[in-house]
């Protein structure tokens, strides 16, 4: 029986292409993480974390959006450099990001208070209430991760964004569980390899969550996306003849 080996002429360029693309993504995430740290520091950490995180997700969203547009042979809009794009979103969405961060922080503070109360015991219903708090905390963790890519994609009031996030978290449990698995895996990686924290920080899990929802088709393409019109050969030939006659 003869064996037919894969042509190296096709395999090697594909492998090189994959290495180049992975290197580009890794390098961009590293630079974006450094810019995110500057954004957090620019707001004194406390009021800088939310706008920096929203701007981080805005840059990632545009990266993935452009990839989806190119794959669909659609027009890709021009964009500024990473630095300008990040700080533009940081400034324009500053107060909107603060509102999102405040709601998330209030939710986690409430769950923390519930755990303190339940630790002291409230009677026979303590196990049931503890289980409910755990379930709601897991759901809130998914909401905390999903809200940022949704908020930067939909230019909607925050109450509508909140409804969209809750609907996504509940209607697509597989995606929500995958998002939580990404967060758990990244936390484990942080503990196993602390050196990755200053390299990628929050950018890698944010990119993974955004990539998951882009690949699933949950985030629609903008209405401005139109197909790239390819030139008609007949029209080109007619134009060449017209120029030649003149």
C-alpha atoms as a PDB file:
ATOM      1  CA  UNK A   1       0.000   0.000   0.000  1.00  0.00           C
ATOM      2  CA  UNK A   2       1.459   3.336  -1.011  1.00  0.00           C
ATOM      3  CA  UNK A   3       1.312   6.366   1.202  1.00  0.00           C
ATOM      4  CA  UNK A   4       0.666   9.821  -0.170  1.00  0.00           C
ATOM      5  CA  UNK A   5       2.415  12.497   1.867  1.00  0.00           C
ATOM      6  CA  UNK A   6       1.046  16.026   2.187  1.00  0.00           C
ATOM      7  CA  UNK A   7       2.739  18.427  -0.198  1.00  0.00           C
ATOM      8  CA  UNK A   8       5.283  20.448   1.718  1.00  0.00           C
ATOM      9  CA  UNK A   9       4.767  23.367  -0.628  1.00  0.00           C
ATOM     10  CA  UNK A  10       1.339  23.905   0.900  1.00  0.00           C
ATOM     11  CA  UNK A  11       1.983  22.871   4.499  1.00  0.00           C
ATOM     12  CA  UNK A  12       4.963  25.117   5.197  1.00  0.00           C
ATOM     13  CA  UNK A  13       3.387  28.403   4.015  1.00  0.00           C
ATOM     14  CA  UNK A  14       0.285  27.581   6.078  1.00  0.00           C
ATOM     15  CA  UNK A  15       2.403  26.942   9.197  1.00  0.00           C
ATOM     16  CA  UNK A  16       4.399  30.102   8.644  1.00  0.00           C
ATOM     17  CA  UNK A  17       1.170  32.057   8.165  1.00  0.00           C
ATOM     18  CA  UNK A  18      -0.239  30.705  11.434  1.00  0.00           C
ATOM     19  CA  UNK A  19       2.954  31.602  13.317  1.00  0.00           C
ATOM     20  CA  UNK A  20       2.904  35.108  11.888  1.00  0.00           C
ATOM     21  CA  UNK A  21      -0.747  35.674  12.785  1.00  0.00           C
ATOM     22  CA  UNK A  22      -0.286  34.325  16.310  1.00  0.00           C
ATOM     23  CA  UNK A  23       2.790  36.510  16.760  1.00  0.00           C
ATOM     24  CA  UNK A  24       0.867  39.572  15.597  1.00  0.00           C
ATOM     25  CA  UNK A  25      -2.005  38.869  18.024  1.00  0.00           C
ATOM     26  CA  UNK A  26       0.361  38.223  20.946  1.00  0.00           C
ATOM     27  CA  UNK A  27       2.354  41.374  20.233  1.00  0.00           C
ATOM     28  CA  UNK A  28      -0.780  43.494  19.922  1.00  0.00           C
ATOM     29  CA  UNK A  29      -2.235  42.116  23.160  1.00  0.00           C
ATOM     30  CA  UNK A  30       1.028  42.879  24.963  1.00  0.00           C
ATOM     31  CA  UNK A  31       1.061  46.497  23.729  1.00  0.00           C
ATOM     32  CA  UNK A  32      -2.648  46.855  24.498  1.00  0.00           C
ATOM     33  CA  UNK A  33      -2.038  45.615  28.042  1.00  0.00           C
ATOM     34  CA  UNK A  34       0.602  48.292  28.577  1.00  0.00           C
ATOM     35  CA  UNK A  35      -1.755  50.968  27.277  1.00  0.00           C
ATOM     36  CA  UNK A  36      -4.494  49.592  29.559  1.00  0.00           C
ATOM     37  CA  UNK A  37      -2.188  49.968  32.566  1.00  0.00           C
ATOM     38  CA  UNK A  38      -1.576  53.594  31.583  1.00  0.00           C
ATOM     39  CA  UNK A  39      -5.328  54.119  31.281  1.00  0.00           C
ATOM     40  CA  UNK A  40      -5.892  52.696  34.748  1.00  0.00           C
ATOM     41  CA  UNK A  41      -3.127  54.878  36.205  1.00  0.00           C
ATOM     42  CA  UNK A  42      -4.463  57.962  34.415  1.00  0.00           C
ATOM     43  CA  UNK A  43      -7.630  57.742  36.478  1.00  0.00           C
ATOM     44  CA  UNK A  44      -5.879  57.105  39.764  1.00  0.00           C
ATOM     45  CA  UNK A  45      -6.657  53.354  39.532  1.00  0.00           C
ATOM     46  CA  UNK A  46     -10.069  53.683  41.212  1.00  0.00           C
ATOM     47  CA  UNK A  47     -11.751  55.787  38.526  1.00  0.00           C
ATOM     48  CA  UNK A  48      -9.397  54.698  35.764  1.00  0.00           C
ATOM     49  CA  UNK A  49     -10.094  50.950  35.716  1.00  0.00           C
ATOM     50  CA  UNK A  50     -13.578  51.133  34.166  1.00  0.00           C
ATOM     51  CA  UNK A  51     -12.842  53.509  31.242  1.00  0.00           C
ATOM     52  CA  UNK A  52      -9.564  51.701  30.559  1.00  0.00           C
ATOM     53  CA  UNK A  53     -11.377  48.354  30.434  1.00  0.00           C
ATOM     54  CA  UNK A  54     -14.064  49.747  28.133  1.00  0.00           C
ATOM     55  CA  UNK A  55     -11.422  51.256  25.829  1.00  0.00           C
ATOM     56  CA  UNK A  56      -9.530  47.949  25.865  1.00  0.00           C
ATOM     57  CA  UNK A  57     -12.642  46.108  24.709  1.00  0.00           C
ATOM     58  CA  UNK A  58     -13.330  48.772  22.077  1.00  0.00           C
ATOM     59  CA  UNK A  59      -9.928  48.169  20.463  1.00  0.00           C
ATOM     60  CA  UNK A  60     -10.398  44.381  20.604  1.00  0.00           C
ATOM     61  CA  UNK A  61     -13.887  44.765  19.155  1.00  0.00           C
ATOM     62  CA  UNK A  62     -12.565  46.718  16.172  1.00  0.00           C
ATOM     63  CA  UNK A  63      -9.824  44.115  15.601  1.00  0.00           C
ATOM     64  CA  UNK A  64     -12.327  41.245  15.529  1.00  0.00           C
ATOM     65  CA  UNK A  65     -14.843  43.298  13.540  1.00  0.00           C
ATOM     66  CA  UNK A  66     -12.287  44.011  10.841  1.00  0.00           C
ATOM     67  CA  UNK A  67     -11.423  40.327  10.665  1.00  0.00           C
ATOM     68  CA  UNK A  68     -15.094  39.448  10.222  1.00  0.00           C
ATOM     69  CA  UNK A  69     -15.518  42.121   7.548  1.00  0.00           C
ATOM     70  CA  UNK A  70     -12.467  40.930   5.628  1.00  0.00           C
ATOM     71  CA  UNK A  71     -13.627  37.311   5.837  1.00  0.00           C
ATOM     72  CA  UNK A  72     -17.012  38.320   4.408  1.00  0.00           C
ATOM     73  CA  UNK A  73     -15.449  40.442   1.636  1.00  0.00           C
ATOM     74  CA  UNK A  74     -16.986  43.561   3.179  1.00  0.00           C
ATOM     75  CA  UNK A  75     -15.650  47.088   3.341  1.00  0.00           C
ATOM     76  CA  UNK A  76     -13.321  47.668   6.315  1.00  0.00           C
ATOM     77  CA  UNK A  77     -13.532  51.183   7.713  1.00  0.00           C
ATOM     78  CA  UNK A  78     -10.338  53.095   8.342  1.00  0.00           C
ATOM     79  CA  UNK A  79      -9.318  53.459  11.983  1.00  0.00           C
ATOM     80  CA  UNK A  80      -6.679  55.392  13.928  1.00  0.00           C
ATOM     81  CA  UNK A  81      -3.706  53.768  15.579  1.00  0.00           C
ATOM     82  CA  UNK A  82      -4.065  51.738  18.765  1.00  0.00           C
ATOM     83  CA  UNK A  83      -2.906  54.594  20.986  1.00  0.00           C
ATOM     84  CA  UNK A  84      -5.285  57.190  19.543  1.00  0.00           C
ATOM     85  CA  UNK A  85      -8.214  54.783  19.402  1.00  0.00           C
ATOM     86  CA  UNK A  86      -7.764  53.720  23.030  1.00  0.00           C
ATOM     87  CA  UNK A  87      -7.564  57.221  24.451  1.00  0.00           C
ATOM     88  CA  UNK A  88     -10.406  58.500  22.311  1.00  0.00           C
ATOM     89  CA  UNK A  89     -12.723  55.860  23.779  1.00  0.00           C
ATOM     90  CA  UNK A  90     -11.262  56.436  27.248  1.00  0.00           C
ATOM     91  CA  UNK A  91     -12.267  60.097  27.101  1.00  0.00           C
ATOM     92  CA  UNK A  92     -15.578  59.801  25.239  1.00  0.00           C
ATOM     93  CA  UNK A  93     -16.937  56.866  27.268  1.00  0.00           C
ATOM     94  CA  UNK A  94     -15.495  57.915  30.632  1.00  0.00           C
ATOM     95  CA  UNK A  95     -18.767  58.503  32.489  1.00  0.00           C
ATOM     96  CA  UNK A  96     -20.583  55.643  30.773  1.00  0.00           C
ATOM     97  CA  UNK A  97     -17.795  53.318  31.884  1.00  0.00           C
ATOM     98  CA  UNK A  98     -17.994  54.700  35.417  1.00  0.00           C
ATOM     99  CA  UNK A  99     -21.700  53.848  35.539  1.00  0.00           C
ATOM    100  CA  UNK A 100     -21.033  50.281  34.384  1.00  0.00           C
ATOM    101  CA  UNK A 101     -18.214  49.865  36.880  1.00  0.00           C
ATOM    102  CA  UNK A 102     -20.329  51.271  39.714  1.00  0.00           C
ATOM    103  CA  UNK A 103     -23.181  48.821  39.029  1.00  0.00           C
ATOM    104  CA  UNK A 104     -20.794  45.865  38.887  1.00  0.00           C
ATOM    105  CA  UNK A 105     -19.006  46.940  42.061  1.00  0.00           C
ATOM    106  CA  UNK A 106     -22.312  47.444  43.881  1.00  0.00           C
ATOM    107  CA  UNK A 107     -23.407  43.948  42.885  1.00  0.00           C
ATOM    108  CA  UNK A 108     -20.209  42.361  44.200  1.00  0.00           C
ATOM    109  CA  UNK A 109     -20.447  44.390  47.411  1.00  0.00           C
ATOM    110  CA  UNK A 110     -24.016  43.123  47.903  1.00  0.00           C
ATOM    111  CA  UNK A 111     -22.960  39.513  47.392  1.00  0.00           C
ATOM    112  CA  UNK A 112     -20.093  40.001  49.837  1.00  0.00           C
ATOM    113  CA  UNK A 113     -22.493  41.389  52.432  1.00  0.00           C
ATOM    114  CA  UNK A 114     -24.857  38.456  51.891  1.00  0.00           C
ATOM    115  CA  UNK A 115     -22.044  36.005  52.494  1.00  0.00           C
ATOM    116  CA  UNK A 116     -21.127  37.752  55.756  1.00  0.00           C
ATOM    117  CA  UNK A 117     -24.739  37.609  56.939  1.00  0.00           C
ATOM    118  CA  UNK A 118     -25.176  33.970  55.950  1.00  0.00           C
ATOM    119  CA  UNK A 119     -21.921  33.024  57.644  1.00  0.00           C
ATOM    120  CA  UNK A 120     -23.541  33.954  60.942  1.00  0.00           C
ATOM    121  CA  UNK A 121     -26.584  31.827  60.124  1.00  0.00           C
ATOM    122  CA  UNK A 122     -30.201  32.826  59.610  1.00  0.00           C
ATOM    123  CA  UNK A 123     -31.910  29.640  60.676  1.00  0.00           C
ATOM    124  CA  UNK A 124     -32.880  26.539  58.739  1.00  0.00           C
ATOM    125  CA  UNK A 125     -32.976  28.357  55.403  1.00  0.00           C
ATOM    126  CA  UNK A 126     -29.265  29.201  55.582  1.00  0.00           C
ATOM    127  CA  UNK A 127     -28.152  26.364  53.217  1.00  0.00           C
ATOM    128  CA  UNK A 128     -30.825  27.315  50.662  1.00  0.00           C
ATOM    129  CA  UNK A 129     -29.942  30.986  50.768  1.00  0.00           C
ATOM    130  CA  UNK A 130     -26.230  30.172  50.554  1.00  0.00           C
ATOM    131  CA  UNK A 131     -26.847  28.090  47.451  1.00  0.00           C
ATOM    132  CA  UNK A 132     -28.899  30.889  45.911  1.00  0.00           C
ATOM    133  CA  UNK A 133     -26.135  33.409  46.599  1.00  0.00           C
ATOM    134  CA  UNK A 134     -23.586  31.094  44.969  1.00  0.00           C
ATOM    135  CA  UNK A 135     -25.738  30.694  41.841  1.00  0.00           C
ATOM    136  CA  UNK A 136     -26.355  34.430  41.588  1.00  0.00           C
ATOM    137  CA  UNK A 137     -22.665  35.137  42.151  1.00  0.00           C
ATOM    138  CA  UNK A 138     -21.734  32.835  39.266  1.00  0.00           C
ATOM    139  CA  UNK A 139     -24.299  34.546  37.050  1.00  0.00           C
ATOM    140  CA  UNK A 140     -22.964  37.957  38.100  1.00  0.00           C
ATOM    141  CA  UNK A 141     -19.434  36.834  37.275  1.00  0.00           C
ATOM    142  CA  UNK A 142     -20.605  35.971  33.752  1.00  0.00           C
ATOM    143  CA  UNK A 143     -22.347  39.347  33.493  1.00  0.00           C
ATOM    144  CA  UNK A 144     -19.163  41.107  34.651  1.00  0.00           C
ATOM    145  CA  UNK A 145     -17.229  39.549  31.780  1.00  0.00           C
ATOM    146  CA  UNK A 146     -19.903  39.883  29.083  1.00  0.00           C
ATOM    147  CA  UNK A 147     -20.985  43.475  29.721  1.00  0.00           C
ATOM    148  CA  UNK A 148     -17.827  45.099  28.338  1.00  0.00           C
ATOM    149  CA  UNK A 149     -17.880  43.681  24.771  1.00  0.00           C
ATOM    150  CA  UNK A 150     -21.647  44.215  24.619  1.00  0.00           C
ATOM    151  CA  UNK A 151     -21.406  47.814  25.869  1.00  0.00           C
ATOM    152  CA  UNK A 152     -18.815  48.790  23.266  1.00  0.00           C
ATOM    153  CA  UNK A 153     -20.718  47.112  20.425  1.00  0.00           C
ATOM    154  CA  UNK A 154     -24.192  48.520  21.045  1.00  0.00           C
ATOM    155  CA  UNK A 155     -24.583  52.279  21.302  1.00  0.00           C
ATOM    156  CA  UNK A 156     -27.589  51.970  23.594  1.00  0.00           C
ATOM    157  CA  UNK A 157     -28.614  53.383  26.992  1.00  0.00           C
ATOM    158  CA  UNK A 158     -27.258  51.436  29.927  1.00  0.00           C
ATOM    159  CA  UNK A 159     -30.634  49.919  30.966  1.00  0.00           C
ATOM    160  CA  UNK A 160     -30.987  48.383  27.502  1.00  0.00           C
ATOM    161  CA  UNK A 161     -27.370  47.174  27.602  1.00  0.00           C
ATOM    162  CA  UNK A 162     -28.084  45.562  30.984  1.00  0.00           C
ATOM    163  CA  UNK A 163     -31.110  43.745  29.552  1.00  0.00           C
ATOM    164  CA  UNK A 164     -29.059  42.529  26.585  1.00  0.00           C
ATOM    165  CA  UNK A 165     -26.323  41.208  28.860  1.00  0.00           C
ATOM    166  CA  UNK A 166     -28.758  39.353  31.130  1.00  0.00           C
ATOM    167  CA  UNK A 167     -30.569  37.875  28.126  1.00  0.00           C
ATOM    168  CA  UNK A 168     -27.269  36.697  26.634  1.00  0.00           C
ATOM    169  CA  UNK A 169     -26.125  35.201  29.929  1.00  0.00           C
ATOM    170  CA  UNK A 170     -29.402  33.284  30.424  1.00  0.00           C
ATOM    171  CA  UNK A 171     -30.323  32.379  26.846  1.00  0.00           C
ATOM    172  CA  UNK A 172     -26.885  31.021  25.944  1.00  0.00           C
ATOM    173  CA  UNK A 173     -25.763  29.003  28.963  1.00  0.00           C
ATOM    174  CA  UNK A 174     -23.048  27.213  26.953  1.00  0.00           C
ATOM    175  CA  UNK A 175     -21.411  30.535  26.107  1.00  0.00           C
ATOM    176  CA  UNK A 176     -21.740  31.745  29.686  1.00  0.00           C
ATOM    177  CA  UNK A 177     -20.127  28.570  31.010  1.00  0.00           C
ATOM    178  CA  UNK A 178     -17.338  28.911  28.457  1.00  0.00           C
ATOM    179  CA  UNK A 179     -16.755  32.497  29.557  1.00  0.00           C
ATOM    180  CA  UNK A 180     -16.534  31.373  33.183  1.00  0.00           C
ATOM    181  CA  UNK A 181     -14.174  28.574  32.166  1.00  0.00           C
ATOM    182  CA  UNK A 182     -11.954  31.141  30.433  1.00  0.00           C
ATOM    183  CA  UNK A 183     -11.887  33.246  33.596  1.00  0.00           C
ATOM    184  CA  UNK A 184     -11.168  30.228  35.816  1.00  0.00           C
ATOM    185  CA  UNK A 185      -8.425  29.008  33.484  1.00  0.00           C
ATOM    186  CA  UNK A 186      -6.812  32.432  33.384  1.00  0.00           C
ATOM    187  CA  UNK A 187      -6.890  32.732  37.185  1.00  0.00           C
ATOM    188  CA  UNK A 188      -5.225  29.325  37.428  1.00  0.00           C
ATOM    189  CA  UNK A 189      -2.630  30.407  34.871  1.00  0.00           C
ATOM    190  CA  UNK A 190      -1.961  33.560  36.871  1.00  0.00           C
ATOM    191  CA  UNK A 191      -1.205  31.459  39.949  1.00  0.00           C
ATOM    192  CA  UNK A 192       0.829  28.892  38.024  1.00  0.00           C
ATOM    193  CA  UNK A 193       2.771  31.445  35.940  1.00  0.00           C
ATOM    194  CA  UNK A 194       2.742  34.832  37.720  1.00  0.00           C
ATOM    195  CA  UNK A 195       5.094  36.213  35.095  1.00  0.00           C
ATOM    196  CA  UNK A 196       2.205  36.333  32.614  1.00  0.00           C
ATOM    197  CA  UNK A 197       0.376  38.954  34.692  1.00  0.00           C
ATOM    198  CA  UNK A 198       2.579  41.916  33.683  1.00  0.00           C
ATOM    199  CA  UNK A 199       2.709  40.636  30.085  1.00  0.00           C
ATOM    200  CA  UNK A 200      -0.957  40.123  29.204  1.00  0.00           C
ATOM    201  CA  UNK A 201      -2.964  41.038  32.313  1.00  0.00           C
ATOM    202  CA  UNK A 202      -6.616  41.433  31.392  1.00  0.00           C
ATOM    203  CA  UNK A 203      -6.150  41.620  27.632  1.00  0.00           C
ATOM    204  CA  UNK A 204      -5.993  37.887  26.910  1.00  0.00           C
ATOM    205  CA  UNK A 205      -9.212  36.890  28.757  1.00  0.00           C
ATOM    206  CA  UNK A 206     -10.967  39.973  27.335  1.00  0.00           C
ATOM    207  CA  UNK A 207      -9.894  38.951  23.834  1.00  0.00           C
ATOM    208  CA  UNK A 208     -11.049  35.358  24.408  1.00  0.00           C
ATOM    209  CA  UNK A 209     -14.503  36.457  25.599  1.00  0.00           C
ATOM    210  CA  UNK A 210     -14.953  38.889  22.714  1.00  0.00           C
ATOM    211  CA  UNK A 211     -13.697  36.294  20.210  1.00  0.00           C
ATOM    212  CA  UNK A 212     -16.185  33.736  21.573  1.00  0.00           C
ATOM    213  CA  UNK A 213     -19.179  36.003  21.029  1.00  0.00           C
ATOM    214  CA  UNK A 214     -17.965  37.177  17.626  1.00  0.00           C
ATOM    215  CA  UNK A 215     -17.500  33.599  16.445  1.00  0.00           C
ATOM    216  CA  UNK A 216     -20.964  32.652  17.700  1.00  0.00           C
ATOM    217  CA  UNK A 217     -22.606  35.411  15.658  1.00  0.00           C
ATOM    218  CA  UNK A 218     -24.228  37.001  18.703  1.00  0.00           C
ATOM    219  CA  UNK A 219     -22.726  40.401  17.902  1.00  0.00           C
ATOM    220  CA  UNK A 220     -24.105  41.498  14.516  1.00  0.00           C
ATOM    221  CA  UNK A 221     -22.127  43.336  11.885  1.00  0.00           C
ATOM    222  CA  UNK A 222     -22.886  47.070  11.594  1.00  0.00           C
ATOM    223  CA  UNK A 223     -25.424  48.204   9.026  1.00  0.00           C
ATOM    224  CA  UNK A 224     -22.695  50.218   7.289  1.00  0.00           C
ATOM    225  CA  UNK A 225     -20.922  47.001   6.231  1.00  0.00           C
ATOM    226  CA  UNK A 226     -21.333  46.646   2.464  1.00  0.00           C
ATOM    227  CA  UNK A 227     -19.770  44.181   0.024  1.00  0.00           C
ATOM    228  CA  UNK A 228     -16.645  45.185  -1.847  1.00  0.00           C
ATOM    229  CA  UNK A 229     -17.574  45.724  -5.459  1.00  0.00           C
ATOM    230  CA  UNK A 230     -15.255  43.848  -7.775  1.00  0.00           C
ATOM    231  CA  UNK A 231     -14.640  45.486 -11.148  1.00  0.00           C
ATOM    232  CA  UNK A 232     -16.420  44.064 -14.137  1.00  0.00           C
ATOM    233  CA  UNK A 233     -13.971  42.808 -16.761  1.00  0.00           C
ATOM    234  CA  UNK A 234     -16.203  44.027 -19.598  1.00  0.00           C
ATOM    235  CA  UNK A 235     -16.368  47.522 -18.127  1.00  0.00           C
ATOM    236  CA  UNK A 236     -12.597  47.571 -17.688  1.00  0.00           C
ATOM    237  CA  UNK A 237     -12.013  46.533 -21.294  1.00  0.00           C
ATOM    238  CA  UNK A 238     -14.464  49.165 -22.537  1.00  0.00           C
ATOM    239  CA  UNK A 239     -12.679  51.842 -20.515  1.00  0.00           C
ATOM    240  CA  UNK A 240      -9.319  50.762 -21.939  1.00  0.00           C
ATOM    241  CA  UNK A 241     -10.645  50.933 -25.513  1.00  0.00           C
ATOM    242  CA  UNK A 242     -12.132  54.369 -24.873  1.00  0.00           C
ATOM    243  CA  UNK A 243      -8.794  55.640 -23.587  1.00  0.00           C
ATOM    244  CA  UNK A 244      -6.991  54.118 -26.557  1.00  0.00           C
ATOM    245  CA  UNK A 245      -9.327  55.878 -29.011  1.00  0.00           C
ATOM    246  CA  UNK A 246      -8.540  59.219 -27.444  1.00  0.00           C
END
